[in-house]
Amino acid sequence: MNARAPNPNVPPLSPEMDAFVDDALHSALAHAAPPGPFDLATLTRLLMARALPALSESELQWIAGQSGELARRMANESATVMEAVGCLLAGDNAKHGMGNFRGQNDAPALALHAAAMFTELEALINVDIDACFALRERRKTRGGDPR
């Protein structure tokens, strides 16, 4: 379904990514849901696959620098939150029936939210990796320093 000519400065998508993008575009054109669950990770993967060829080197540098920093900050904040949750749960156990997780679904909801957060964090890390890879490949094709 690649309707436009590939950018010679950007390496082609992997066969798996190209198939994913084509499936998503076919689904979108048919007004159907894209393949897989709709979450930030899937959306980011689709958008980055299509945007990479069109992004300038300065935009790629910005994305590579900022997405990695955001992922580190999110990981640190998540660790802090989960440590606090661990302390709350320990306090709840000590008080037998008192505390913050009284409802049957409170703890599972929190755990599922944490799992989703880590999936989003992985998506940010993949954006960073993709942008860095695209920068290195562009620089290699120009004969410059790939770092």
N, C-alpha and C. Protein backbone atom coordinates (compact mmCIF):
# COMPACT_ATOMS: atom_id res chain seq x y z
N MET A 1 0.82 -1.20 0.00
CA MET A 1 0.00 0.00 0.00
C MET A 1 0.85 1.26 0.00
N ASN A 2 2.15 1.14 -0.05
CA ASN A 2 3.03 2.31 -0.02
C ASN A 2 2.74 3.20 -1.22
N ALA A 3 1.97 4.26 -1.02
CA ALA A 3 1.49 5.11 -2.10
C ALA A 3 2.52 6.13 -2.54
N ARG A 4 3.48 6.45 -1.71
CA ARG A 4 4.45 7.46 -2.11
C ARG A 4 5.82 6.83 -2.20
N ALA A 5 6.68 7.46 -2.95
CA ALA A 5 8.03 6.93 -3.12
C ALA A 5 8.78 6.99 -1.80
N PRO A 6 9.58 5.95 -1.51
CA PRO A 6 10.32 5.96 -0.25
C PRO A 6 11.38 7.06 -0.24
N ASN A 7 11.66 7.58 0.91
CA ASN A 7 12.69 8.58 1.09
C ASN A 7 14.04 7.87 1.04
N PRO A 8 14.93 8.22 0.13
CA PRO A 8 16.21 7.50 0.02
C PRO A 8 17.12 7.72 1.23
N ASN A 9 16.83 8.70 2.07
CA ASN A 9 17.67 8.97 3.24
C ASN A 9 17.27 8.17 4.47
N VAL A 10 16.18 7.42 4.38
CA VAL A 10 15.68 6.67 5.52
C VAL A 10 15.61 5.19 5.15
N PRO A 11 16.11 4.33 6.03
CA PRO A 11 16.03 2.90 5.71
C PRO A 11 14.58 2.45 5.63
N PRO A 12 14.32 1.43 4.82
CA PRO A 12 12.93 0.95 4.73
C PRO A 12 12.49 0.33 6.05
N LEU A 13 11.18 0.26 6.23
CA LEU A 13 10.63 -0.38 7.42
C LEU A 13 10.91 -1.87 7.36
N SER A 14 11.00 -2.48 8.52
CA SER A 14 11.14 -3.94 8.56
C SER A 14 9.88 -4.54 7.95
N PRO A 15 9.96 -5.77 7.44
CA PRO A 15 8.76 -6.39 6.86
C PRO A 15 7.60 -6.46 7.86
N GLU A 16 7.92 -6.72 9.13
CA GLU A 16 6.87 -6.80 10.14
C GLU A 16 6.21 -5.45 10.35
N MET A 17 7.01 -4.38 10.45
CA MET A 17 6.47 -3.05 10.66
C MET A 17 5.70 -2.59 9.44
N ASP A 18 6.21 -2.89 8.25
CA ASP A 18 5.52 -2.50 7.03
C ASP A 18 4.16 -3.19 6.95
N ALA A 19 4.11 -4.47 7.32
CA ALA A 19 2.85 -5.21 7.32
C ALA A 19 1.89 -4.61 8.35
N PHE A 20 2.40 -4.25 9.53
CA PHE A 20 1.57 -3.65 10.57
C PHE A 20 0.97 -2.34 10.06
N VAL A 21 1.80 -1.49 9.47
CA VAL A 21 1.33 -0.19 8.98
C VAL A 21 0.30 -0.39 7.87
N ASP A 22 0.59 -1.31 6.93
CA ASP A 22 -0.37 -1.56 5.86
C ASP A 22 -1.70 -2.06 6.40
N ASP A 23 -1.66 -3.00 7.37
CA ASP A 23 -2.90 -3.50 7.97
C ASP A 23 -3.67 -2.37 8.65
N ALA A 24 -2.95 -1.52 9.36
CA ALA A 24 -3.60 -0.41 10.06
C ALA A 24 -4.23 0.57 9.07
N LEU A 25 -3.52 0.85 7.98
CA LEU A 25 -4.07 1.78 6.99
C LEU A 25 -5.27 1.18 6.26
N HIS A 26 -5.18 -0.10 5.92
CA HIS A 26 -6.33 -0.76 5.29
C HIS A 26 -7.54 -0.72 6.23
N SER A 27 -7.32 -0.99 7.50
CA SER A 27 -8.41 -0.96 8.48
C SER A 27 -8.99 0.44 8.60
N ALA A 28 -8.11 1.44 8.63
CA ALA A 28 -8.59 2.82 8.75
C ALA A 28 -9.42 3.21 7.54
N LEU A 29 -8.96 2.80 6.35
CA LEU A 29 -9.72 3.13 5.14
C LEU A 29 -11.07 2.42 5.11
N ALA A 30 -11.13 1.26 5.73
CA ALA A 30 -12.39 0.51 5.77
C ALA A 30 -13.21 0.89 7.00
N HIS A 31 -12.77 1.89 7.74
CA HIS A 31 -13.43 2.35 8.96
C HIS A 31 -13.51 1.26 10.02
N ALA A 32 -12.54 0.38 10.00
CA ALA A 32 -12.46 -0.67 11.01
C ALA A 32 -11.37 -0.30 12.00
N ALA A 33 -11.34 -1.01 13.10
CA ALA A 33 -10.31 -0.76 14.11
C ALA A 33 -8.96 -1.24 13.60
N PRO A 34 -7.85 -0.55 13.93
CA PRO A 34 -6.52 -1.03 13.55
C PRO A 34 -6.22 -2.35 14.24
N PRO A 35 -5.23 -3.09 13.72
CA PRO A 35 -4.92 -4.38 14.34
C PRO A 35 -4.43 -4.20 15.77
N GLY A 36 -4.84 -5.11 16.62
CA GLY A 36 -4.40 -5.06 18.01
C GLY A 36 -5.23 -4.09 18.82
N PRO A 37 -4.92 -4.01 20.10
CA PRO A 37 -5.67 -3.10 20.97
C PRO A 37 -5.33 -1.65 20.65
N PHE A 38 -6.28 -0.78 20.87
CA PHE A 38 -5.96 0.64 20.69
C PHE A 38 -5.46 1.16 22.03
N ASP A 39 -4.18 1.41 22.07
CA ASP A 39 -3.56 1.99 23.25
C ASP A 39 -2.45 2.92 22.76
N LEU A 40 -1.84 3.61 23.69
CA LEU A 40 -0.81 4.57 23.32
C LEU A 40 0.36 3.91 22.61
N ALA A 41 0.73 2.70 23.03
CA ALA A 41 1.85 2.01 22.41
C ALA A 41 1.56 1.71 20.94
N THR A 42 0.36 1.21 20.62
CA THR A 42 0.00 0.90 19.24
C THR A 42 -0.09 2.16 18.40
N LEU A 43 -0.70 3.19 18.95
CA LEU A 43 -0.82 4.46 18.24
C LEU A 43 0.56 5.06 17.96
N THR A 44 1.42 5.06 18.96
CA THR A 44 2.76 5.60 18.79
C THR A 44 3.54 4.84 17.73
N ARG A 45 3.41 3.52 17.76
CA ARG A 45 4.12 2.68 16.78
C ARG A 45 3.67 3.02 15.36
N LEU A 46 2.38 3.15 15.16
CA LEU A 46 1.85 3.48 13.84
C LEU A 46 2.30 4.87 13.39
N LEU A 47 2.15 5.85 14.26
CA LEU A 47 2.51 7.22 13.89
C LEU A 47 4.00 7.38 13.62
N MET A 48 4.83 6.75 14.45
CA MET A 48 6.28 6.85 14.24
C MET A 48 6.69 6.17 12.93
N ALA A 49 6.08 5.04 12.62
CA ALA A 49 6.42 4.33 11.38
C ALA A 49 6.15 5.22 10.17
N ARG A 50 5.07 5.97 10.22
CA ARG A 50 4.74 6.84 9.09
C ARG A 50 5.49 8.18 9.14
N ALA A 51 5.79 8.66 10.31
CA ALA A 51 6.42 9.97 10.43
C ALA A 51 7.92 9.94 10.19
N LEU A 52 8.58 8.86 10.54
CA LEU A 52 10.05 8.83 10.46
C LEU A 52 10.60 9.30 9.12
N PRO A 53 10.07 8.83 8.00
CA PRO A 53 10.64 9.29 6.72
C PRO A 53 10.51 10.79 6.48
N ALA A 54 9.53 11.41 7.09
CA ALA A 54 9.28 12.83 6.84
C ALA A 54 9.93 13.77 7.85
N LEU A 55 10.43 13.24 8.95
CA LEU A 55 11.01 14.10 9.99
C LEU A 55 12.39 14.59 9.59
N SER A 56 12.66 15.84 9.93
CA SER A 56 13.98 16.40 9.67
C SER A 56 14.97 15.86 10.70
N GLU A 57 16.24 16.06 10.43
CA GLU A 57 17.26 15.59 11.37
C GLU A 57 17.12 16.30 12.71
N SER A 58 16.82 17.59 12.71
CA SER A 58 16.68 18.31 13.98
C SER A 58 15.45 17.81 14.75
N GLU A 59 14.37 17.47 14.04
CA GLU A 59 13.20 16.90 14.72
C GLU A 59 13.53 15.53 15.32
N LEU A 60 14.27 14.72 14.57
CA LEU A 60 14.68 13.41 15.10
C LEU A 60 15.57 13.55 16.32
N GLN A 61 16.48 14.52 16.29
CA GLN A 61 17.35 14.75 17.44
C GLN A 61 16.53 15.16 18.66
N TRP A 62 15.55 16.02 18.45
CA TRP A 62 14.70 16.46 19.54
C TRP A 62 13.91 15.29 20.12
N ILE A 63 13.30 14.49 19.25
CA ILE A 63 12.53 13.33 19.69
C ILE A 63 13.43 12.35 20.43
N ALA A 64 14.60 12.07 19.87
CA ALA A 64 15.52 11.11 20.49
C ALA A 64 15.94 11.60 21.88
N GLY A 65 16.22 12.85 22.02
CA GLY A 65 16.65 13.38 23.32
C GLY A 65 15.52 13.47 24.32
N GLN A 66 14.38 13.93 23.88
CA GLN A 66 13.27 14.16 24.81
C GLN A 66 12.53 12.88 25.20
N SER A 67 12.34 11.96 24.26
CA SER A 67 11.60 10.74 24.60
C SER A 67 12.38 9.88 25.58
N GLY A 68 13.69 9.81 25.43
CA GLY A 68 14.51 9.06 26.38
C GLY A 68 14.46 9.68 27.77
N GLU A 69 14.54 11.00 27.81
CA GLU A 69 14.49 11.69 29.11
C GLU A 69 13.12 11.52 29.75
N LEU A 70 12.06 11.62 28.97
CA LEU A 70 10.71 11.41 29.51
C LEU A 70 10.56 9.98 30.03
N ALA A 71 11.07 9.01 29.31
CA ALA A 71 10.99 7.61 29.76
C ALA A 71 11.73 7.42 31.08
N ARG A 72 12.90 8.02 31.21
CA ARG A 72 13.65 7.93 32.48
C ARG A 72 12.87 8.57 33.62
N ARG A 73 12.29 9.73 33.36
CA ARG A 73 11.52 10.43 34.39
C ARG A 73 10.28 9.62 34.79
N MET A 74 9.60 9.05 33.80
CA MET A 74 8.42 8.24 34.09
C MET A 74 8.80 6.99 34.88
N ALA A 75 9.92 6.38 34.54
CA ALA A 75 10.36 5.18 35.26
C ALA A 75 10.66 5.54 36.72
N ASN A 76 11.32 6.65 36.93
CA ASN A 76 11.64 7.10 38.29
C ASN A 76 10.37 7.40 39.08
N GLU A 77 9.45 8.13 38.46
CA GLU A 77 8.19 8.45 39.14
C GLU A 77 7.38 7.19 39.42
N SER A 78 7.37 6.25 38.49
CA SER A 78 6.64 5.00 38.70
C SER A 78 7.23 4.21 39.85
N ALA A 79 8.54 4.17 39.93
CA ALA A 79 9.19 3.47 41.04
C ALA A 79 8.82 4.11 42.37
N THR A 80 8.81 5.42 42.42
CA THR A 80 8.44 6.13 43.65
C THR A 80 7.00 5.83 44.05
N VAL A 81 6.09 5.88 43.08
CA VAL A 81 4.68 5.60 43.35
C VAL A 81 4.50 4.16 43.82
N MET A 82 5.12 3.21 43.13
CA MET A 82 4.95 1.81 43.51
C MET A 82 5.55 1.52 44.88
N GLU A 83 6.63 2.21 45.24
CA GLU A 83 7.19 2.06 46.58
C GLU A 83 6.20 2.56 47.63
N ALA A 84 5.58 3.70 47.36
CA ALA A 84 4.58 4.24 48.29
C ALA A 84 3.38 3.30 48.40
N VAL A 85 2.97 2.71 47.28
CA VAL A 85 1.86 1.76 47.30
C VAL A 85 2.24 0.54 48.14
N GLY A 86 3.46 0.08 47.98
CA GLY A 86 3.92 -1.04 48.79
C GLY A 86 3.84 -0.72 50.28
N CYS A 87 4.21 0.49 50.64
CA CYS A 87 4.12 0.90 52.05
C CYS A 87 2.67 0.96 52.51
N LEU A 88 1.78 1.47 51.66
CA LEU A 88 0.35 1.50 52.01
C LEU A 88 -0.20 0.09 52.21
N LEU A 89 0.16 -0.81 51.30
CA LEU A 89 -0.32 -2.19 51.42
C LEU A 89 0.21 -2.84 52.69
N ALA A 90 1.48 -2.60 53.00
CA ALA A 90 2.06 -3.14 54.23
C ALA A 90 1.32 -2.58 55.45
N GLY A 91 0.99 -1.30 55.42
CA GLY A 91 0.24 -0.68 56.52
C GLY A 91 -1.16 -1.25 56.62
N ASP A 92 -1.80 -1.50 55.46
CA ASP A 92 -3.13 -2.11 55.46
C ASP A 92 -3.10 -3.49 56.08
N ASN A 93 -2.09 -4.26 55.75
CA ASN A 93 -1.97 -5.61 56.31
C ASN A 93 -1.79 -5.56 57.82
N ALA A 94 -1.06 -4.58 58.30
CA ALA A 94 -0.80 -4.48 59.74
C ALA A 94 -2.06 -4.07 60.50
N LYS A 95 -2.96 -3.31 59.84
CA LYS A 95 -4.15 -2.79 60.52
C LYS A 95 -5.37 -3.71 60.36
N HIS A 96 -5.28 -4.74 59.54
CA HIS A 96 -6.37 -5.70 59.32
C HIS A 96 -7.71 -5.02 59.03
N GLY A 97 -7.91 -4.69 57.76
CA GLY A 97 -9.20 -4.14 57.37
C GLY A 97 -9.26 -2.63 57.35
N MET A 98 -8.23 -1.96 57.77
CA MET A 98 -8.23 -0.50 57.72
C MET A 98 -7.23 -0.08 56.66
N GLY A 99 -7.41 1.06 56.11
CA GLY A 99 -6.43 1.55 55.16
C GLY A 99 -7.02 1.94 53.83
N ASN A 100 -6.18 1.93 52.81
CA ASN A 100 -6.53 2.51 51.52
C ASN A 100 -7.14 1.53 50.52
N PHE A 101 -6.96 0.25 50.70
CA PHE A 101 -7.43 -0.72 49.73
C PHE A 101 -8.51 -1.59 50.36
N ARG A 102 -9.67 -1.00 50.54
CA ARG A 102 -10.78 -1.69 51.20
C ARG A 102 -11.65 -2.45 50.21
N GLY A 103 -11.81 -1.88 49.00
CA GLY A 103 -12.68 -2.51 48.01
C GLY A 103 -12.01 -3.71 47.35
N GLN A 104 -12.84 -4.62 46.89
CA GLN A 104 -12.35 -5.83 46.26
C GLN A 104 -11.52 -5.55 45.01
N ASN A 105 -11.83 -4.48 44.29
CA ASN A 105 -11.15 -4.18 43.03
C ASN A 105 -10.07 -3.11 43.16
N ASP A 106 -9.86 -2.57 44.33
CA ASP A 106 -8.90 -1.47 44.49
C ASP A 106 -7.47 -1.88 44.11
N ALA A 107 -6.97 -2.93 44.71
CA ALA A 107 -5.60 -3.36 44.43
C ALA A 107 -5.44 -3.85 43.00
N PRO A 108 -6.37 -4.70 42.47
CA PRO A 108 -6.22 -5.12 41.07
C PRO A 108 -6.27 -3.94 40.09
N ALA A 109 -7.12 -2.97 40.34
CA ALA A 109 -7.19 -1.80 39.46
C ALA A 109 -5.86 -1.05 39.44
N LEU A 110 -5.27 -0.92 40.61
CA LEU A 110 -3.98 -0.25 40.69
C LEU A 110 -2.90 -1.03 39.95
N ALA A 111 -2.90 -2.35 40.13
CA ALA A 111 -1.90 -3.18 39.46
C ALA A 111 -2.07 -3.12 37.94
N LEU A 112 -3.30 -3.14 37.45
CA LEU A 112 -3.55 -3.06 36.01
C LEU A 112 -3.14 -1.70 35.46
N HIS A 113 -3.40 -0.66 36.24
CA HIS A 113 -2.96 0.68 35.82
C HIS A 113 -1.43 0.73 35.73
N ALA A 114 -0.76 0.16 36.71
CA ALA A 114 0.71 0.14 36.70
C ALA A 114 1.22 -0.62 35.49
N ALA A 115 0.59 -1.76 35.16
CA ALA A 115 1.00 -2.53 33.99
C ALA A 115 0.84 -1.71 32.72
N ALA A 116 -0.27 -0.99 32.61
CA ALA A 116 -0.49 -0.13 31.44
C ALA A 116 0.56 0.98 31.37
N MET A 117 0.92 1.53 32.52
CA MET A 117 1.94 2.58 32.55
C MET A 117 3.28 2.05 32.04
N PHE A 118 3.62 0.83 32.41
CA PHE A 118 4.89 0.27 31.95
C PHE A 118 4.85 -0.01 30.45
N THR A 119 3.69 -0.35 29.90
CA THR A 119 3.55 -0.51 28.46
C THR A 119 3.75 0.83 27.75
N GLU A 120 3.19 1.89 28.31
CA GLU A 120 3.38 3.23 27.75
C GLU A 120 4.85 3.64 27.82
N LEU A 121 5.48 3.30 28.91
CA LEU A 121 6.91 3.60 29.08
C LEU A 121 7.73 2.88 28.01
N GLU A 122 7.40 1.64 27.74
CA GLU A 122 8.08 0.89 26.69
C GLU A 122 7.89 1.57 25.33
N ALA A 123 6.69 2.09 25.08
CA ALA A 123 6.43 2.79 23.82
C ALA A 123 7.33 4.01 23.68
N LEU A 124 7.52 4.75 24.76
CA LEU A 124 8.41 5.91 24.72
C LEU A 124 9.85 5.49 24.45
N ILE A 125 10.27 4.42 25.07
CA ILE A 125 11.63 3.93 24.85
C ILE A 125 11.79 3.52 23.39
N ASN A 126 10.77 2.89 22.81
CA ASN A 126 10.85 2.51 21.40
C ASN A 126 10.91 3.73 20.48
N VAL A 127 10.20 4.79 20.83
CA VAL A 127 10.29 6.03 20.05
C VAL A 127 11.73 6.54 20.07
N ASP A 128 12.34 6.54 21.24
CA ASP A 128 13.72 6.98 21.38
C ASP A 128 14.65 6.11 20.52
N ILE A 129 14.49 4.81 20.61
CA ILE A 129 15.33 3.89 19.83
C ILE A 129 15.13 4.11 18.34
N ASP A 130 13.88 4.24 17.88
CA ASP A 130 13.60 4.45 16.46
C ASP A 130 14.20 5.75 15.96
N ALA A 131 14.06 6.81 16.73
CA ALA A 131 14.61 8.10 16.31
C ALA A 131 16.14 8.06 16.25
N CYS A 132 16.76 7.44 17.23
CA CYS A 132 18.23 7.31 17.22
C CYS A 132 18.69 6.49 16.03
N PHE A 133 18.00 5.39 15.75
CA PHE A 133 18.36 4.54 14.62
C PHE A 133 18.23 5.31 13.31
N ALA A 134 17.13 6.03 13.14
CA ALA A 134 16.92 6.80 11.91
C ALA A 134 18.00 7.87 11.74
N LEU A 135 18.38 8.52 12.83
CA LEU A 135 19.46 9.52 12.76
C LEU A 135 20.78 8.88 12.32
N ARG A 136 21.13 7.75 12.94
CA ARG A 136 22.38 7.06 12.58
C ARG A 136 22.37 6.64 11.12
N GLU A 137 21.26 6.11 10.65
CA GLU A 137 21.18 5.65 9.26
C GLU A 137 21.28 6.82 8.29
N ARG A 138 20.65 7.93 8.61
CA ARG A 138 20.75 9.11 7.73
C ARG A 138 22.18 9.61 7.66
N ARG A 139 22.83 9.64 8.81
CA ARG A 139 24.22 10.12 8.83
C ARG A 139 25.15 9.17 8.10
N LYS A 140 24.89 7.87 8.19
CA LYS A 140 25.71 6.90 7.47
C LYS A 140 25.57 7.08 5.97
N THR A 141 24.35 7.33 5.50
CA THR A 141 24.14 7.48 4.06
C THR A 141 24.77 8.76 3.53
N ARG A 142 24.95 9.73 4.39
CA ARG A 142 25.63 10.98 4.01
C ARG A 142 27.13 10.86 4.16
N GLY A 143 27.60 9.77 4.74
CA GLY A 143 29.04 9.60 4.94
C GLY A 143 29.58 10.28 6.18
N GLY A 144 28.71 10.72 7.05
CA GLY A 144 29.13 11.40 8.27
C GLY A 144 29.30 10.45 9.43
N ASP A 145 29.61 11.02 10.57
CA ASP A 145 29.76 10.26 11.80
C ASP A 145 28.37 9.76 12.22
N PRO A 146 28.18 8.43 12.35
CA PRO A 146 26.85 7.92 12.68
C PRO A 146 26.41 8.19 14.12
N ARG A 147 27.29 8.70 14.96
CA ARG A 147 26.90 8.95 16.36
C ARG A 147 26.18 10.22 16.44
